[in-house]
């Protein structure tokens, strides 16, 4: 992305999402705060932003009262192969991409292990990825070590807590694997990243931010 494109993206994001100050409240509570205002026509947003970022910001507007911290968002573009860095942390105020990582998708979304998401599912035991908006919740230590729970905000992913869809690190995701195999391993529906970036991911997103995933039309 050249400098002009970065400036255009930053300007579009700033006008679309607004610059709301974080509110000190737990993410499971409904926060009495005005949602970010939509000040640009949809045609302009779509023209000046990557499609998944535009969708994520629209979702931020939709779920604004539940999202406590709006300074940055996570965007996972499942249009891309798992061998690409498709998990981005976007700074809402500046429009800059702060981090880009490889991430897994669920076995049930890619039964043939092609590296591409073929379908989504919210059904328990499907081992599939679910599209939609998530709210990052509390941190905990489980079978994958340090992890962070996710709350599904849309009908397509509202069973995320029950299905234990979380953020965690995994040995089956790495730069070397993506380079050598053209894809990384699959999860049971969780967003797994390489072990050496796990802590950065968990800390950067924190609790009470938006994570959005899907496939661009």
N, C-alpha and C. Protein backbone atom coordinates (compact mmCIF):
# COMPACT_ATOMS: atom_id res chain seq x y z
N UNK A 1 0.86 -1.20 0.00
CA UNK A 1 0.00 0.00 0.00
C UNK A 1 0.89 1.24 0.00
N UNK A 2 0.73 2.15 -1.01
CA UNK A 2 1.57 3.33 -1.03
C UNK A 2 1.06 4.37 -0.05
N UNK A 3 1.83 5.48 0.07
CA UNK A 3 1.51 6.47 1.09
C UNK A 3 0.17 7.12 0.81
N UNK A 4 -0.12 7.44 -0.50
CA UNK A 4 -1.39 8.07 -0.82
C UNK A 4 -2.56 7.19 -0.45
N UNK A 5 -2.46 5.88 -0.75
CA UNK A 5 -3.54 4.96 -0.40
C UNK A 5 -3.71 4.89 1.11
N UNK A 6 -2.59 4.88 1.87
CA UNK A 6 -2.69 4.85 3.33
C UNK A 6 -3.42 6.08 3.85
N UNK A 7 -3.09 7.26 3.26
CA UNK A 7 -3.74 8.49 3.72
C UNK A 7 -5.24 8.45 3.39
N UNK A 8 -5.59 7.95 2.19
CA UNK A 8 -6.99 7.87 1.81
C UNK A 8 -7.75 6.92 2.72
N UNK A 9 -7.13 5.77 3.00
CA UNK A 9 -7.76 4.79 3.89
C UNK A 9 -7.92 5.36 5.28
N UNK A 10 -6.87 6.04 5.78
CA UNK A 10 -6.93 6.61 7.12
C UNK A 10 -8.04 7.64 7.22
N UNK A 11 -8.15 8.51 6.18
CA UNK A 11 -9.19 9.52 6.21
C UNK A 11 -10.57 8.93 6.19
N UNK A 12 -10.75 7.92 5.35
CA UNK A 12 -12.06 7.28 5.26
C UNK A 12 -12.45 6.62 6.56
N UNK A 13 -11.50 5.94 7.20
CA UNK A 13 -11.79 5.26 8.46
C UNK A 13 -12.11 6.27 9.55
N UNK A 14 -11.35 7.36 9.62
CA UNK A 14 -11.58 8.36 10.66
C UNK A 14 -12.98 8.95 10.54
N UNK A 15 -13.43 9.25 9.31
CA UNK A 15 -14.74 9.83 9.13
C UNK A 15 -15.85 8.82 9.35
N UNK A 16 -15.58 7.57 8.96
CA UNK A 16 -16.62 6.55 9.08
C UNK A 16 -16.86 6.15 10.52
N UNK A 17 -15.77 5.84 11.24
CA UNK A 17 -15.92 5.26 12.57
C UNK A 17 -15.95 6.28 13.68
N UNK A 18 -15.44 7.48 13.49
CA UNK A 18 -15.36 8.46 14.55
C UNK A 18 -14.22 8.14 15.48
N UNK A 19 -13.95 9.00 16.45
CA UNK A 19 -12.87 8.78 17.41
C UNK A 19 -13.44 8.80 18.80
N UNK A 20 -14.08 7.72 19.18
CA UNK A 20 -14.72 7.65 20.50
C UNK A 20 -13.71 7.28 21.57
N UNK A 21 -13.78 7.90 22.71
CA UNK A 21 -12.90 7.54 23.82
C UNK A 21 -13.34 6.23 24.42
N UNK A 22 -12.38 5.35 24.78
CA UNK A 22 -12.76 4.06 25.39
C UNK A 22 -13.54 4.27 26.68
N UNK A 23 -14.49 3.38 26.93
CA UNK A 23 -15.29 3.44 28.14
C UNK A 23 -14.86 2.34 29.08
N UNK A 24 -14.76 2.64 30.35
CA UNK A 24 -14.31 1.67 31.34
C UNK A 24 -15.48 0.83 31.81
N UNK A 25 -15.76 -0.22 31.07
CA UNK A 25 -16.86 -1.12 31.42
C UNK A 25 -16.53 -2.50 30.92
N UNK A 26 -17.14 -3.52 31.52
CA UNK A 26 -16.89 -4.88 31.08
C UNK A 26 -17.64 -5.13 29.78
N UNK A 27 -17.07 -5.92 28.85
CA UNK A 27 -17.69 -6.09 27.54
C UNK A 27 -19.02 -6.81 27.56
N UNK A 28 -19.30 -7.56 28.63
CA UNK A 28 -20.57 -8.28 28.67
C UNK A 28 -21.74 -7.36 29.03
N UNK A 29 -21.43 -6.14 29.45
CA UNK A 29 -22.47 -5.20 29.79
C UNK A 29 -22.83 -4.35 28.58
N UNK A 30 -24.09 -3.90 28.53
CA UNK A 30 -24.48 -2.97 27.49
C UNK A 30 -23.98 -1.59 27.87
N UNK A 31 -23.17 -0.99 27.03
CA UNK A 31 -22.55 0.30 27.34
C UNK A 31 -23.43 1.42 26.80
N UNK A 32 -23.85 2.31 27.65
CA UNK A 32 -24.71 3.42 27.24
C UNK A 32 -23.86 4.51 26.60
N UNK A 33 -23.51 4.28 25.33
CA UNK A 33 -22.70 5.24 24.60
C UNK A 33 -23.21 5.31 23.17
N UNK A 34 -23.17 6.50 22.54
CA UNK A 34 -23.65 6.60 21.16
C UNK A 34 -22.75 5.81 20.23
N UNK A 35 -23.34 5.08 19.28
CA UNK A 35 -22.52 4.32 18.33
C UNK A 35 -21.75 5.26 17.42
N UNK A 36 -20.64 4.81 16.82
CA UNK A 36 -19.91 5.66 15.88
C UNK A 36 -20.83 6.09 14.74
N UNK A 37 -20.70 7.34 14.30
CA UNK A 37 -21.58 7.86 13.27
C UNK A 37 -21.05 7.53 11.88
N UNK A 38 -21.96 7.25 10.97
CA UNK A 38 -21.62 6.98 9.59
C UNK A 38 -21.75 8.29 8.82
N UNK A 39 -20.62 8.91 8.45
CA UNK A 39 -20.64 10.21 7.81
C UNK A 39 -20.34 10.15 6.32
N UNK A 40 -20.06 8.96 5.79
CA UNK A 40 -19.72 8.83 4.38
C UNK A 40 -20.70 7.92 3.67
N UNK A 41 -20.99 8.19 2.39
CA UNK A 41 -21.84 7.27 1.64
C UNK A 41 -21.15 5.94 1.43
N UNK A 42 -21.93 4.87 1.36
CA UNK A 42 -21.36 3.54 1.24
C UNK A 42 -20.47 3.41 0.02
N UNK A 43 -20.81 4.10 -1.09
CA UNK A 43 -20.02 3.99 -2.31
C UNK A 43 -18.58 4.47 -2.07
N UNK A 44 -18.43 5.54 -1.29
CA UNK A 44 -17.10 6.09 -1.05
C UNK A 44 -16.30 5.15 -0.15
N UNK A 45 -16.94 4.62 0.91
CA UNK A 45 -16.23 3.72 1.80
C UNK A 45 -15.72 2.50 1.05
N UNK A 46 -16.58 1.92 0.20
CA UNK A 46 -16.19 0.72 -0.51
C UNK A 46 -15.08 1.00 -1.51
N UNK A 47 -15.07 2.21 -2.06
CA UNK A 47 -14.04 2.55 -3.04
C UNK A 47 -12.69 2.78 -2.40
N UNK A 48 -12.66 3.29 -1.18
CA UNK A 48 -11.41 3.71 -0.58
C UNK A 48 -10.88 2.76 0.48
N UNK A 49 -11.60 1.71 0.82
CA UNK A 49 -11.14 0.76 1.83
C UNK A 49 -11.14 -0.65 1.27
N UNK A 50 -10.27 -1.52 1.80
CA UNK A 50 -10.40 -2.95 1.50
C UNK A 50 -11.80 -3.41 1.90
N UNK A 51 -12.44 -4.26 1.11
CA UNK A 51 -13.83 -4.65 1.38
C UNK A 51 -14.07 -5.16 2.80
N UNK A 52 -13.16 -5.98 3.32
CA UNK A 52 -13.38 -6.54 4.65
C UNK A 52 -13.26 -5.48 5.74
N UNK A 53 -12.41 -4.47 5.54
CA UNK A 53 -12.30 -3.38 6.51
C UNK A 53 -13.58 -2.56 6.51
N UNK A 54 -14.11 -2.30 5.32
CA UNK A 54 -15.37 -1.56 5.23
C UNK A 54 -16.50 -2.31 5.94
N UNK A 55 -16.57 -3.63 5.74
CA UNK A 55 -17.59 -4.43 6.41
C UNK A 55 -17.40 -4.42 7.92
N UNK A 56 -16.13 -4.48 8.35
CA UNK A 56 -15.85 -4.48 9.78
C UNK A 56 -16.29 -3.17 10.42
N UNK A 57 -16.07 -2.05 9.74
CA UNK A 57 -16.47 -0.76 10.29
C UNK A 57 -17.98 -0.60 10.32
N UNK A 58 -18.66 -1.15 9.31
CA UNK A 58 -20.11 -1.14 9.35
C UNK A 58 -20.62 -1.97 10.53
N UNK A 59 -19.92 -3.07 10.80
CA UNK A 59 -20.29 -3.90 11.93
C UNK A 59 -20.01 -3.17 13.25
N UNK A 60 -18.94 -2.39 13.28
CA UNK A 60 -18.62 -1.60 14.47
C UNK A 60 -19.74 -0.60 14.75
N UNK A 61 -20.28 0.00 13.69
CA UNK A 61 -21.41 0.91 13.86
C UNK A 61 -22.64 0.16 14.38
N UNK A 62 -22.89 -1.00 13.80
CA UNK A 62 -24.06 -1.80 14.16
C UNK A 62 -24.02 -2.23 15.63
N UNK A 63 -22.85 -2.67 16.09
CA UNK A 63 -22.72 -3.20 17.45
C UNK A 63 -22.06 -2.19 18.39
N UNK A 64 -22.08 -0.91 18.02
CA UNK A 64 -21.33 0.11 18.73
C UNK A 64 -21.54 0.15 20.24
N UNK A 65 -22.77 -0.09 20.70
CA UNK A 65 -23.04 0.01 22.14
C UNK A 65 -22.46 -1.15 22.93
N UNK A 66 -22.11 -2.23 22.26
CA UNK A 66 -21.54 -3.39 22.96
C UNK A 66 -20.01 -3.41 22.92
N UNK A 67 -19.44 -2.64 22.00
CA UNK A 67 -17.99 -2.63 21.84
C UNK A 67 -17.40 -1.50 22.69
N UNK A 68 -16.70 -1.86 23.73
CA UNK A 68 -16.22 -0.88 24.70
C UNK A 68 -15.08 -0.03 24.13
N UNK A 69 -14.11 -0.68 23.51
CA UNK A 69 -12.93 0.02 22.99
C UNK A 69 -12.96 0.03 21.48
N UNK A 70 -12.89 1.22 20.88
CA UNK A 70 -13.03 1.36 19.43
C UNK A 70 -11.79 1.95 18.79
N UNK A 71 -10.65 1.85 19.47
CA UNK A 71 -9.43 2.42 18.93
C UNK A 71 -8.81 1.55 17.84
N UNK A 72 -9.03 0.24 17.93
CA UNK A 72 -8.53 -0.68 16.90
C UNK A 72 -9.49 -1.86 16.78
N UNK A 73 -9.45 -2.50 15.63
CA UNK A 73 -10.29 -3.66 15.38
C UNK A 73 -9.45 -4.77 14.76
N UNK A 74 -9.90 -6.00 14.94
CA UNK A 74 -9.29 -7.14 14.26
C UNK A 74 -10.13 -7.50 13.04
N UNK A 75 -9.47 -7.77 11.92
CA UNK A 75 -10.16 -8.14 10.68
C UNK A 75 -9.51 -9.39 10.12
N UNK A 76 -10.30 -10.44 9.90
CA UNK A 76 -9.79 -11.68 9.31
C UNK A 76 -10.48 -11.88 7.97
N UNK A 77 -9.69 -11.88 6.91
CA UNK A 77 -10.22 -11.99 5.55
C UNK A 77 -10.08 -13.43 5.07
N UNK A 78 -11.16 -14.20 5.20
CA UNK A 78 -11.14 -15.60 4.79
C UNK A 78 -11.30 -15.76 3.28
N UNK A 79 -11.29 -14.65 2.54
CA UNK A 79 -11.19 -14.74 1.10
C UNK A 79 -9.82 -15.25 0.70
N UNK A 80 -8.84 -15.00 1.57
CA UNK A 80 -7.45 -15.36 1.30
C UNK A 80 -7.12 -16.77 1.76
N UNK A 81 -6.11 -17.35 1.13
CA UNK A 81 -5.58 -18.65 1.53
C UNK A 81 -4.90 -18.53 2.89
N UNK A 82 -4.88 -19.62 3.65
CA UNK A 82 -4.26 -19.57 4.98
C UNK A 82 -2.75 -19.37 4.91
N UNK A 83 -2.17 -19.54 3.72
CA UNK A 83 -0.75 -19.26 3.57
C UNK A 83 -0.44 -17.77 3.51
N UNK A 84 -1.49 -16.94 3.42
CA UNK A 84 -1.31 -15.49 3.40
C UNK A 84 -1.58 -14.92 4.80
N UNK A 85 -1.04 -13.75 5.05
CA UNK A 85 -1.29 -13.07 6.31
C UNK A 85 -2.65 -12.39 6.22
N UNK A 86 -3.65 -13.03 6.76
CA UNK A 86 -5.02 -12.58 6.57
C UNK A 86 -5.69 -12.09 7.85
N UNK A 87 -4.95 -12.07 8.96
CA UNK A 87 -5.45 -11.53 10.24
C UNK A 87 -4.76 -10.19 10.44
N UNK A 88 -5.54 -9.11 10.39
CA UNK A 88 -4.99 -7.77 10.52
C UNK A 88 -5.54 -7.06 11.75
N UNK A 89 -4.69 -6.26 12.38
CA UNK A 89 -5.13 -5.32 13.41
C UNK A 89 -5.07 -3.94 12.79
N UNK A 90 -6.23 -3.28 12.72
CA UNK A 90 -6.34 -1.99 12.06
C UNK A 90 -6.58 -0.90 13.10
N UNK A 91 -5.77 0.14 13.05
CA UNK A 91 -5.95 1.30 13.92
C UNK A 91 -7.06 2.15 13.34
N UNK A 92 -8.17 2.28 14.05
CA UNK A 92 -9.35 2.96 13.52
C UNK A 92 -9.09 4.44 13.29
N UNK A 93 -8.31 5.07 14.15
CA UNK A 93 -8.08 6.51 14.02
C UNK A 93 -7.17 6.84 12.85
N UNK A 94 -6.06 6.09 12.70
CA UNK A 94 -5.09 6.41 11.67
C UNK A 94 -5.30 5.64 10.37
N UNK A 95 -6.01 4.51 10.44
CA UNK A 95 -6.18 3.68 9.26
C UNK A 95 -5.01 2.77 8.98
N UNK A 96 -3.98 2.82 9.82
CA UNK A 96 -2.81 2.00 9.61
C UNK A 96 -3.05 0.56 10.03
N UNK A 97 -2.41 -0.36 9.33
CA UNK A 97 -2.41 -1.77 9.73
C UNK A 97 -1.27 -1.96 10.72
N UNK A 98 -1.61 -2.24 11.97
CA UNK A 98 -0.59 -2.34 13.02
C UNK A 98 0.11 -3.70 13.00
N UNK A 99 -0.64 -4.74 12.68
CA UNK A 99 -0.07 -6.10 12.64
C UNK A 99 -0.76 -6.89 11.55
N UNK A 100 -0.03 -7.87 10.98
CA UNK A 100 -0.59 -8.83 10.03
C UNK A 100 -0.03 -10.21 10.37
N UNK A 101 -0.93 -11.20 10.52
CA UNK A 101 -0.48 -12.54 10.90
C UNK A 101 -1.18 -13.60 10.07
N UNK A 102 -0.57 -14.77 10.05
CA UNK A 102 -1.25 -15.96 9.54
C UNK A 102 -2.23 -16.42 10.61
N UNK A 103 -3.34 -16.98 10.19
CA UNK A 103 -4.29 -17.56 11.14
C UNK A 103 -4.99 -18.75 10.52
N UNK A 104 -5.43 -19.64 11.37
CA UNK A 104 -6.10 -20.86 10.92
C UNK A 104 -7.56 -20.61 10.63
N UNK A 105 -8.18 -21.58 9.97
CA UNK A 105 -9.64 -21.67 9.93
C UNK A 105 -10.02 -23.09 10.35
N UNK A 106 -11.30 -23.33 10.53
CA UNK A 106 -11.74 -24.62 11.05
C UNK A 106 -11.67 -25.76 10.06
N UNK A 107 -11.41 -26.95 10.57
CA UNK A 107 -11.39 -28.15 9.73
C UNK A 107 -12.71 -28.34 8.97
N UNK A 108 -13.80 -28.06 9.65
CA UNK A 108 -15.10 -28.22 9.03
C UNK A 108 -15.37 -27.23 7.91
N UNK A 109 -14.60 -26.15 7.86
CA UNK A 109 -14.74 -25.17 6.78
C UNK A 109 -13.89 -25.52 5.57
N UNK A 110 -12.99 -26.48 5.73
CA UNK A 110 -12.05 -26.86 4.67
C UNK A 110 -11.72 -28.34 4.80
N UNK A 111 -12.70 -29.22 4.57
CA UNK A 111 -12.50 -30.66 4.82
C UNK A 111 -11.35 -31.27 4.02
N UNK A 112 -11.07 -30.73 2.84
CA UNK A 112 -10.02 -31.29 1.98
C UNK A 112 -8.65 -30.67 2.23
N UNK A 113 -8.56 -29.77 3.21
CA UNK A 113 -7.29 -29.13 3.57
C UNK A 113 -6.66 -28.43 2.37
N UNK A 114 -7.44 -27.57 1.72
CA UNK A 114 -6.95 -26.83 0.56
C UNK A 114 -6.28 -25.51 0.94
N UNK A 115 -6.49 -25.08 2.19
CA UNK A 115 -6.00 -23.77 2.61
C UNK A 115 -7.03 -22.67 2.43
N UNK A 116 -8.20 -23.01 1.84
CA UNK A 116 -9.24 -22.03 1.60
C UNK A 116 -10.52 -22.40 2.36
N UNK A 117 -11.18 -21.39 2.90
CA UNK A 117 -12.48 -21.62 3.55
C UNK A 117 -13.52 -21.91 2.48
N UNK A 118 -14.16 -23.06 2.59
CA UNK A 118 -15.20 -23.45 1.64
C UNK A 118 -16.60 -23.11 2.15
N UNK A 119 -16.78 -23.15 3.46
CA UNK A 119 -18.10 -22.88 4.03
C UNK A 119 -17.95 -22.43 5.47
N UNK A 120 -18.99 -21.83 6.00
CA UNK A 120 -19.05 -21.43 7.41
C UNK A 120 -20.16 -22.20 8.10
N UNK A 121 -20.02 -22.36 9.41
CA UNK A 121 -21.09 -23.00 10.19
C UNK A 121 -21.03 -22.51 11.63
N UNK A 122 -22.20 -22.41 12.23
CA UNK A 122 -22.33 -22.04 13.64
C UNK A 122 -22.82 -23.24 14.46
N UNK A 123 -22.86 -24.41 13.83
CA UNK A 123 -23.41 -25.61 14.46
C UNK A 123 -22.38 -26.24 15.40
N UNK A 124 -22.74 -26.55 16.64
CA UNK A 124 -21.82 -27.23 17.54
C UNK A 124 -21.29 -28.53 16.93
N UNK A 125 -20.01 -28.82 17.20
CA UNK A 125 -19.32 -30.01 16.70
C UNK A 125 -19.07 -29.99 15.19
N UNK A 126 -19.36 -28.87 14.54
CA UNK A 126 -19.07 -28.78 13.10
C UNK A 126 -17.58 -28.56 12.84
N UNK A 127 -16.85 -28.07 13.86
CA UNK A 127 -15.43 -27.75 13.74
C UNK A 127 -15.17 -26.74 12.62
N UNK A 128 -16.15 -25.91 12.35
CA UNK A 128 -16.05 -24.94 11.26
C UNK A 128 -15.87 -23.52 11.82
N UNK A 129 -15.36 -22.66 10.97
CA UNK A 129 -15.29 -21.24 11.29
C UNK A 129 -16.67 -20.62 11.09
N UNK A 130 -16.96 -19.57 11.84
CA UNK A 130 -18.22 -18.84 11.72
C UNK A 130 -17.93 -17.40 11.32
N UNK A 131 -18.64 -16.92 10.33
CA UNK A 131 -18.47 -15.53 9.92
C UNK A 131 -19.19 -14.60 10.88
N UNK A 132 -18.81 -13.30 10.84
CA UNK A 132 -19.51 -12.30 11.62
C UNK A 132 -18.63 -11.54 12.59
N UNK A 133 -19.27 -10.80 13.47
CA UNK A 133 -18.59 -9.95 14.44
C UNK A 133 -18.49 -10.64 15.79
N UNK A 134 -17.32 -10.51 16.41
CA UNK A 134 -17.09 -11.07 17.74
C UNK A 134 -16.65 -9.94 18.67
N UNK A 135 -16.99 -10.07 19.92
CA UNK A 135 -16.48 -9.19 20.96
C UNK A 135 -15.42 -9.96 21.74
N UNK A 136 -14.22 -9.40 21.86
CA UNK A 136 -13.18 -10.08 22.63
C UNK A 136 -13.55 -10.05 24.10
N UNK A 137 -13.41 -11.18 24.77
CA UNK A 137 -13.81 -11.31 26.17
C UNK A 137 -12.59 -11.59 27.05
N UNK A 138 -12.79 -12.32 28.14
CA UNK A 138 -11.73 -12.46 29.13
C UNK A 138 -10.62 -13.40 28.68
N UNK A 139 -9.45 -13.17 29.25
CA UNK A 139 -8.28 -14.01 29.00
C UNK A 139 -8.30 -15.20 29.98
N UNK A 140 -7.77 -16.33 29.54
CA UNK A 140 -7.69 -17.51 30.41
C UNK A 140 -6.56 -18.41 29.92
N UNK A 141 -6.25 -19.41 30.69
CA UNK A 141 -5.24 -20.40 30.31
C UNK A 141 -5.93 -21.75 30.15
N UNK A 142 -5.81 -22.35 28.96
CA UNK A 142 -6.45 -23.62 28.67
C UNK A 142 -5.48 -24.59 28.05
N UNK A 143 -5.99 -25.54 27.26
CA UNK A 143 -5.13 -26.57 26.68
C UNK A 143 -4.14 -26.00 25.67
N UNK A 144 -4.43 -24.81 25.15
CA UNK A 144 -3.50 -24.15 24.23
C UNK A 144 -2.70 -23.06 24.93
N UNK A 145 -2.72 -23.05 26.25
CA UNK A 145 -2.01 -22.02 26.99
C UNK A 145 -2.82 -20.73 27.04
N UNK A 146 -2.14 -19.62 26.97
CA UNK A 146 -2.78 -18.32 27.08
C UNK A 146 -3.76 -18.14 25.90
N UNK A 147 -5.00 -17.80 26.23
CA UNK A 147 -6.06 -17.70 25.23
C UNK A 147 -7.02 -16.57 25.61
N UNK A 148 -7.89 -16.21 24.65
CA UNK A 148 -8.91 -15.19 24.94
C UNK A 148 -10.24 -15.65 24.36
N UNK A 149 -11.28 -15.59 25.19
CA UNK A 149 -12.61 -15.99 24.75
C UNK A 149 -13.23 -14.95 23.82
N UNK A 150 -14.19 -15.40 23.03
CA UNK A 150 -14.89 -14.54 22.09
C UNK A 150 -16.39 -14.69 22.26
N UNK A 151 -17.10 -13.58 22.16
CA UNK A 151 -18.56 -13.58 22.21
C UNK A 151 -19.08 -13.26 20.82
N UNK A 152 -19.87 -14.17 20.23
CA UNK A 152 -20.44 -13.93 18.91
C UNK A 152 -21.58 -12.93 18.98
N UNK A 153 -21.55 -11.92 18.13
CA UNK A 153 -22.55 -10.86 18.17
C UNK A 153 -23.62 -10.98 17.10
N UNK A 154 -23.43 -11.89 16.15
CA UNK A 154 -24.37 -12.03 15.03
C UNK A 154 -25.04 -13.40 15.06
N UNK A 155 -26.18 -13.54 14.39
CA UNK A 155 -26.85 -14.85 14.35
C UNK A 155 -25.97 -15.95 13.78
N UNK A 156 -25.04 -15.58 12.89
CA UNK A 156 -24.16 -16.58 12.26
C UNK A 156 -23.07 -17.10 13.18
N UNK A 157 -22.85 -16.43 14.33
CA UNK A 157 -21.77 -16.87 15.23
C UNK A 157 -22.13 -16.76 16.70
N UNK A 158 -23.43 -16.68 17.01
CA UNK A 158 -23.84 -16.41 18.39
C UNK A 158 -23.63 -17.58 19.35
N UNK A 159 -23.14 -18.71 18.84
CA UNK A 159 -22.82 -19.84 19.71
C UNK A 159 -21.32 -19.95 19.98
N UNK A 160 -20.60 -18.89 19.70
CA UNK A 160 -19.14 -18.93 19.85
C UNK A 160 -18.70 -19.33 21.26
N UNK A 161 -19.33 -18.77 22.27
CA UNK A 161 -18.96 -19.13 23.65
C UNK A 161 -19.24 -20.59 23.93
N UNK A 162 -20.40 -21.07 23.52
CA UNK A 162 -20.76 -22.47 23.75
C UNK A 162 -19.83 -23.41 22.98
N UNK A 163 -19.40 -23.00 21.80
CA UNK A 163 -18.53 -23.82 20.98
C UNK A 163 -17.05 -23.67 21.36
N UNK A 164 -16.75 -22.77 22.31
CA UNK A 164 -15.37 -22.51 22.73
C UNK A 164 -14.52 -22.04 21.56
N UNK A 165 -15.07 -21.12 20.76
CA UNK A 165 -14.30 -20.48 19.69
C UNK A 165 -13.50 -19.34 20.32
N UNK A 166 -12.18 -19.45 20.28
CA UNK A 166 -11.33 -18.51 21.02
C UNK A 166 -10.13 -18.08 20.17
N UNK A 167 -9.36 -17.16 20.73
CA UNK A 167 -8.06 -16.76 20.18
C UNK A 167 -6.98 -17.51 20.93
N UNK A 168 -6.07 -18.17 20.22
CA UNK A 168 -4.98 -18.86 20.90
C UNK A 168 -3.80 -19.08 19.96
N UNK A 169 -2.69 -19.50 20.49
CA UNK A 169 -1.53 -19.85 19.68
C UNK A 169 -1.52 -21.34 19.41
N UNK A 170 -0.81 -21.75 18.34
CA UNK A 170 -0.75 -23.18 18.01
C UNK A 170 0.52 -23.48 17.22
N UNK A 171 1.06 -24.67 17.44
CA UNK A 171 2.25 -25.09 16.72
C UNK A 171 1.98 -25.35 15.24
N UNK A 172 0.70 -25.53 14.88
CA UNK A 172 0.38 -25.80 13.48
C UNK A 172 0.20 -24.54 12.64
N UNK A 173 0.55 -23.39 13.20
CA UNK A 173 0.56 -22.13 12.46
C UNK A 173 1.94 -21.50 12.60
N UNK A 174 2.59 -21.23 11.49
CA UNK A 174 3.91 -20.60 11.53
C UNK A 174 4.27 -20.03 10.17
N UNK A 175 5.21 -19.09 10.16
CA UNK A 175 5.71 -18.52 8.92
C UNK A 175 6.34 -19.61 8.05
N UNK A 176 7.11 -20.49 8.69
CA UNK A 176 7.80 -21.55 7.94
C UNK A 176 6.80 -22.48 7.26
N UNK A 177 5.75 -22.84 7.96
CA UNK A 177 4.74 -23.72 7.38
C UNK A 177 4.03 -23.05 6.20
N UNK A 178 3.71 -21.78 6.36
CA UNK A 178 3.05 -21.05 5.28
C UNK A 178 3.96 -20.96 4.06
N UNK A 179 5.24 -20.75 4.29
CA UNK A 179 6.21 -20.65 3.19
C UNK A 179 6.42 -21.99 2.50
N UNK A 180 6.58 -23.04 3.29
CA UNK A 180 6.94 -24.35 2.72
C UNK A 180 5.74 -25.11 2.15
N UNK A 181 4.57 -24.95 2.78
CA UNK A 181 3.39 -25.72 2.36
C UNK A 181 2.35 -24.90 1.62
N UNK A 182 2.49 -23.57 1.67
CA UNK A 182 1.50 -22.72 1.03
C UNK A 182 0.23 -22.55 1.83
N UNK A 183 0.21 -23.10 3.04
CA UNK A 183 -0.94 -22.98 3.92
C UNK A 183 -0.49 -23.35 5.33
N UNK A 184 -1.33 -23.03 6.31
CA UNK A 184 -1.05 -23.44 7.69
C UNK A 184 -2.08 -24.48 8.10
N UNK A 185 -1.94 -25.01 9.31
CA UNK A 185 -2.85 -26.03 9.78
C UNK A 185 -4.23 -25.49 10.09
N UNK A 186 -5.15 -26.42 10.32
CA UNK A 186 -6.55 -26.08 10.61
C UNK A 186 -6.85 -26.26 12.10
N UNK A 187 -7.80 -25.49 12.57
CA UNK A 187 -8.23 -25.56 13.96
C UNK A 187 -9.58 -26.26 14.03
N UNK A 188 -10.22 -26.18 15.18
CA UNK A 188 -11.58 -26.70 15.34
C UNK A 188 -12.59 -25.55 15.27
N UNK A 189 -12.18 -24.48 14.61
CA UNK A 189 -13.03 -23.30 14.46
C UNK A 189 -12.45 -22.06 15.10
N UNK A 190 -11.37 -22.22 15.87
CA UNK A 190 -10.74 -21.08 16.56
C UNK A 190 -9.83 -20.30 15.62
N UNK A 191 -9.50 -19.09 16.06
CA UNK A 191 -8.53 -18.25 15.36
C UNK A 191 -7.16 -18.51 15.99
N UNK A 192 -6.41 -19.45 15.45
CA UNK A 192 -5.10 -19.78 16.00
C UNK A 192 -4.03 -19.04 15.21
N UNK A 193 -3.03 -18.53 15.91
CA UNK A 193 -1.89 -17.86 15.28
C UNK A 193 -0.61 -18.55 15.75
N UNK A 194 0.51 -18.14 15.18
CA UNK A 194 1.80 -18.72 15.57
C UNK A 194 2.08 -18.43 17.04
N UNK A 195 2.77 -19.34 17.70
CA UNK A 195 3.07 -19.18 19.12
C UNK A 195 3.86 -17.92 19.41
N UNK A 196 4.73 -17.52 18.48
CA UNK A 196 5.58 -16.36 18.76
C UNK A 196 4.86 -15.02 18.61
N UNK A 197 3.62 -15.02 18.11
CA UNK A 197 2.84 -13.78 18.05
C UNK A 197 1.59 -13.85 18.91
N UNK A 198 1.39 -14.98 19.58
CA UNK A 198 0.18 -15.18 20.39
C UNK A 198 -0.01 -14.07 21.42
N UNK A 199 1.02 -13.79 22.20
CA UNK A 199 0.89 -12.80 23.27
C UNK A 199 0.58 -11.42 22.71
N UNK A 200 1.24 -11.07 21.60
CA UNK A 200 0.98 -9.77 20.98
C UNK A 200 -0.46 -9.67 20.53
N UNK A 201 -1.00 -10.73 19.93
CA UNK A 201 -2.38 -10.73 19.49
C UNK A 201 -3.34 -10.56 20.67
N UNK A 202 -3.12 -11.36 21.71
CA UNK A 202 -4.03 -11.34 22.86
C UNK A 202 -3.98 -9.99 23.56
N UNK A 203 -2.80 -9.41 23.68
CA UNK A 203 -2.66 -8.13 24.37
C UNK A 203 -3.12 -6.95 23.52
N UNK A 204 -2.87 -6.99 22.22
CA UNK A 204 -3.24 -5.88 21.35
C UNK A 204 -4.75 -5.75 21.22
N UNK A 205 -5.43 -6.87 21.06
CA UNK A 205 -6.89 -6.82 20.98
C UNK A 205 -7.50 -6.58 22.37
N UNK A 206 -6.92 -7.21 23.38
CA UNK A 206 -7.43 -7.00 24.73
C UNK A 206 -8.87 -7.45 24.87
N UNK A 207 -9.53 -6.94 25.89
CA UNK A 207 -10.93 -7.27 26.17
C UNK A 207 -11.83 -6.12 25.78
N UNK A 208 -12.92 -6.42 25.06
CA UNK A 208 -13.89 -5.39 24.72
C UNK A 208 -13.68 -4.72 23.38
N UNK A 209 -13.02 -5.42 22.44
CA UNK A 209 -12.84 -4.88 21.09
C UNK A 209 -13.53 -5.79 20.06
N UNK A 210 -13.66 -5.26 18.85
CA UNK A 210 -14.34 -5.98 17.78
C UNK A 210 -13.35 -6.80 16.96
N UNK A 211 -13.72 -8.05 16.70
CA UNK A 211 -13.02 -8.89 15.74
C UNK A 211 -14.05 -9.28 14.71
N UNK A 212 -13.74 -9.05 13.43
CA UNK A 212 -14.69 -9.33 12.36
C UNK A 212 -14.06 -10.25 11.35
N UNK A 213 -14.81 -11.27 10.90
CA UNK A 213 -14.28 -12.15 9.88
C UNK A 213 -15.34 -12.52 8.87
N UNK A 214 -14.90 -12.89 7.68
CA UNK A 214 -15.82 -13.30 6.63
C UNK A 214 -15.08 -13.43 5.33
N UNK A 215 -15.83 -13.44 4.24
CA UNK A 215 -15.26 -13.50 2.90
C UNK A 215 -15.83 -12.36 2.08
N UNK A 216 -14.94 -11.67 1.38
CA UNK A 216 -15.39 -10.56 0.54
C UNK A 216 -16.22 -11.08 -0.62
N UNK A 217 -17.24 -10.33 -1.00
CA UNK A 217 -18.12 -10.74 -2.09
C UNK A 217 -17.37 -10.68 -3.42
